[in-house]
């Protein structure tokens, strides 16, 4: 099953926005600077999460395709070779 890219990426961006904002305000930065850094950090986190999830989905898709191809190549193989039975 593929991972939902948009919802995970948005959640990551929102989490990073608040984390960076809180850290900046605790550090004594002005609200304007905090907001700028939080928005930029959230945008970067969104882009990184979206890219990483696309890579994960591509790997999962390739694994499923390879599994289906192996099943089609060995239609009589029931997978019991490991246990020594030919059922």
C-alpha atoms as a PDB file:
ATOM      1  CA  UNK A   1       0.000   0.000   0.000  1.00  0.00           C
ATOM      2  CA  UNK A   2       1.294   3.409  -0.954  1.00  0.00           C
ATOM      3  CA  UNK A   3       1.845   6.104   1.635  1.00  0.00           C
ATOM      4  CA  UNK A   4      -0.292   9.283   1.457  1.00  0.00           C
ATOM      5  CA  UNK A   5       2.263  11.868   0.377  1.00  0.00           C
ATOM      6  CA  UNK A   6       0.385  15.124   0.866  1.00  0.00           C
ATOM      7  CA  UNK A   7      -1.005  14.514   4.344  1.00  0.00           C
ATOM      8  CA  UNK A   8       2.290  13.299   5.784  1.00  0.00           C
ATOM      9  CA  UNK A   9       4.249  16.133   4.146  1.00  0.00           C
ATOM     10  CA  UNK A  10       1.799  18.780   5.400  1.00  0.00           C
ATOM     11  CA  UNK A  11       1.876  17.325   8.910  1.00  0.00           C
ATOM     12  CA  UNK A  12       5.675  17.400   8.855  1.00  0.00           C
ATOM     13  CA  UNK A  13       5.693  21.013   7.647  1.00  0.00           C
ATOM     14  CA  UNK A  14       3.228  22.148  10.320  1.00  0.00           C
ATOM     15  CA  UNK A  15       5.153  20.357  13.051  1.00  0.00           C
ATOM     16  CA  UNK A  16       8.408  21.965  11.926  1.00  0.00           C
ATOM     17  CA  UNK A  17       6.739  25.392  11.722  1.00  0.00           C
ATOM     18  CA  UNK A  18       5.651  25.286  15.339  1.00  0.00           C
ATOM     19  CA  UNK A  19       8.881  23.687  16.555  1.00  0.00           C
ATOM     20  CA  UNK A  20      11.051  26.319  14.871  1.00  0.00           C
ATOM     21  CA  UNK A  21       8.736  29.114  16.029  1.00  0.00           C
ATOM     22  CA  UNK A  22       8.817  27.976  19.640  1.00  0.00           C
ATOM     23  CA  UNK A  23      12.573  27.473  19.625  1.00  0.00           C
ATOM     24  CA  UNK A  24      13.081  30.914  18.083  1.00  0.00           C
ATOM     25  CA  UNK A  25      10.841  32.654  20.581  1.00  0.00           C
ATOM     26  CA  UNK A  26      12.536  30.880  23.498  1.00  0.00           C
ATOM     27  CA  UNK A  27      15.848  32.031  22.053  1.00  0.00           C
ATOM     28  CA  UNK A  28      14.783  35.656  22.298  1.00  0.00           C
ATOM     29  CA  UNK A  29      14.353  36.427  18.588  1.00  0.00           C
ATOM     30  CA  UNK A  30      11.869  39.034  17.393  1.00  0.00           C
ATOM     31  CA  UNK A  31       8.482  37.709  16.212  1.00  0.00           C
ATOM     32  CA  UNK A  32       9.189  38.786  12.629  1.00  0.00           C
ATOM     33  CA  UNK A  33      12.432  36.807  12.446  1.00  0.00           C
ATOM     34  CA  UNK A  34      10.790  33.827  14.183  1.00  0.00           C
ATOM     35  CA  UNK A  35       7.972  33.817  11.652  1.00  0.00           C
ATOM     36  CA  UNK A  36      10.314  34.052   8.666  1.00  0.00           C
ATOM     37  CA  UNK A  37      12.490  31.217   9.896  1.00  0.00           C
ATOM     38  CA  UNK A  38       9.496  29.076  10.791  1.00  0.00           C
ATOM     39  CA  UNK A  39       7.902  29.538   7.359  1.00  0.00           C
ATOM     40  CA  UNK A  40      11.159  28.764   5.550  1.00  0.00           C
ATOM     41  CA  UNK A  41      11.804  25.753   7.771  1.00  0.00           C
ATOM     42  CA  UNK A  42       8.286  24.453   7.217  1.00  0.00           C
ATOM     43  CA  UNK A  43       8.637  24.839   3.453  1.00  0.00           C
ATOM     44  CA  UNK A  44      11.930  22.965   3.439  1.00  0.00           C
ATOM     45  CA  UNK A  45      10.497  20.225   5.671  1.00  0.00           C
ATOM     46  CA  UNK A  46       7.474  19.876   3.355  1.00  0.00           C
ATOM     47  CA  UNK A  47       9.654  19.562   0.248  1.00  0.00           C
ATOM     48  CA  UNK A  48      12.038  17.080   1.896  1.00  0.00           C
ATOM     49  CA  UNK A  49       9.174  14.957   3.275  1.00  0.00           C
ATOM     50  CA  UNK A  50       7.382  14.959  -0.085  1.00  0.00           C
ATOM     51  CA  UNK A  51      10.541  13.915  -1.927  1.00  0.00           C
ATOM     52  CA  UNK A  52      11.365  11.188   0.595  1.00  0.00           C
ATOM     53  CA  UNK A  53       7.833   9.799   0.459  1.00  0.00           C
ATOM     54  CA  UNK A  54       7.913   9.711  -3.335  1.00  0.00           C
ATOM     55  CA  UNK A  55      11.129   7.697  -3.161  1.00  0.00           C
ATOM     56  CA  UNK A  56       9.610   5.309  -0.600  1.00  0.00           C
ATOM     57  CA  UNK A  57       6.488   4.881  -2.737  1.00  0.00           C
ATOM     58  CA  UNK A  58       8.612   4.161  -5.809  1.00  0.00           C
ATOM     59  CA  UNK A  59      10.576   1.509  -3.898  1.00  0.00           C
ATOM     60  CA  UNK A  60       7.369  -0.068  -2.578  1.00  0.00           C
ATOM     61  CA  UNK A  61       5.839  -0.107  -6.062  1.00  0.00           C
ATOM     62  CA  UNK A  62       8.934  -1.745  -7.559  1.00  0.00           C
ATOM     63  CA  UNK A  63       8.923  -4.380  -4.814  1.00  0.00           C
ATOM     64  CA  UNK A  64       5.273  -5.218  -5.446  1.00  0.00           C
ATOM     65  CA  UNK A  65       5.852  -5.439  -9.198  1.00  0.00           C
ATOM     66  CA  UNK A  66       8.891  -7.692  -8.697  1.00  0.00           C
ATOM     67  CA  UNK A  67       6.873  -9.922  -6.357  1.00  0.00           C
ATOM     68  CA  UNK A  68       4.054 -10.236  -8.863  1.00  0.00           C
ATOM     69  CA  UNK A  69       6.493 -11.047 -11.672  1.00  0.00           C
ATOM     70  CA  UNK A  70       8.078 -13.791  -9.559  1.00  0.00           C
ATOM     71  CA  UNK A  71       4.643 -15.245  -8.859  1.00  0.00           C
ATOM     72  CA  UNK A  72       3.807 -15.244 -12.563  1.00  0.00           C
ATOM     73  CA  UNK A  73       7.116 -16.926 -13.474  1.00  0.00           C
ATOM     74  CA  UNK A  74       6.566 -19.754 -10.953  1.00  0.00           C
ATOM     75  CA  UNK A  75       2.835 -20.522 -11.062  1.00  0.00           C
ATOM     76  CA  UNK A  76       3.236 -24.097  -9.708  1.00  0.00           C
ATOM     77  CA  UNK A  77       5.502 -23.106  -6.846  1.00  0.00           C
ATOM     78  CA  UNK A  78       3.504 -23.116  -3.636  1.00  0.00           C
ATOM     79  CA  UNK A  79       6.350 -21.757  -1.522  1.00  0.00           C
ATOM     80  CA  UNK A  80       6.825 -24.954   0.493  1.00  0.00           C
ATOM     81  CA  UNK A  81      10.389 -25.651  -0.643  1.00  0.00           C
ATOM     82  CA  UNK A  82      11.695 -24.323   2.638  1.00  0.00           C
ATOM     83  CA  UNK A  83       9.887 -27.038   4.606  1.00  0.00           C
ATOM     84  CA  UNK A  84      10.737 -29.884   2.253  1.00  0.00           C
ATOM     85  CA  UNK A  85       7.153 -30.664   1.237  1.00  0.00           C
ATOM     86  CA  UNK A  86       5.752 -30.693  -2.275  1.00  0.00           C
ATOM     87  CA  UNK A  87       2.113 -29.930  -1.482  1.00  0.00           C
END
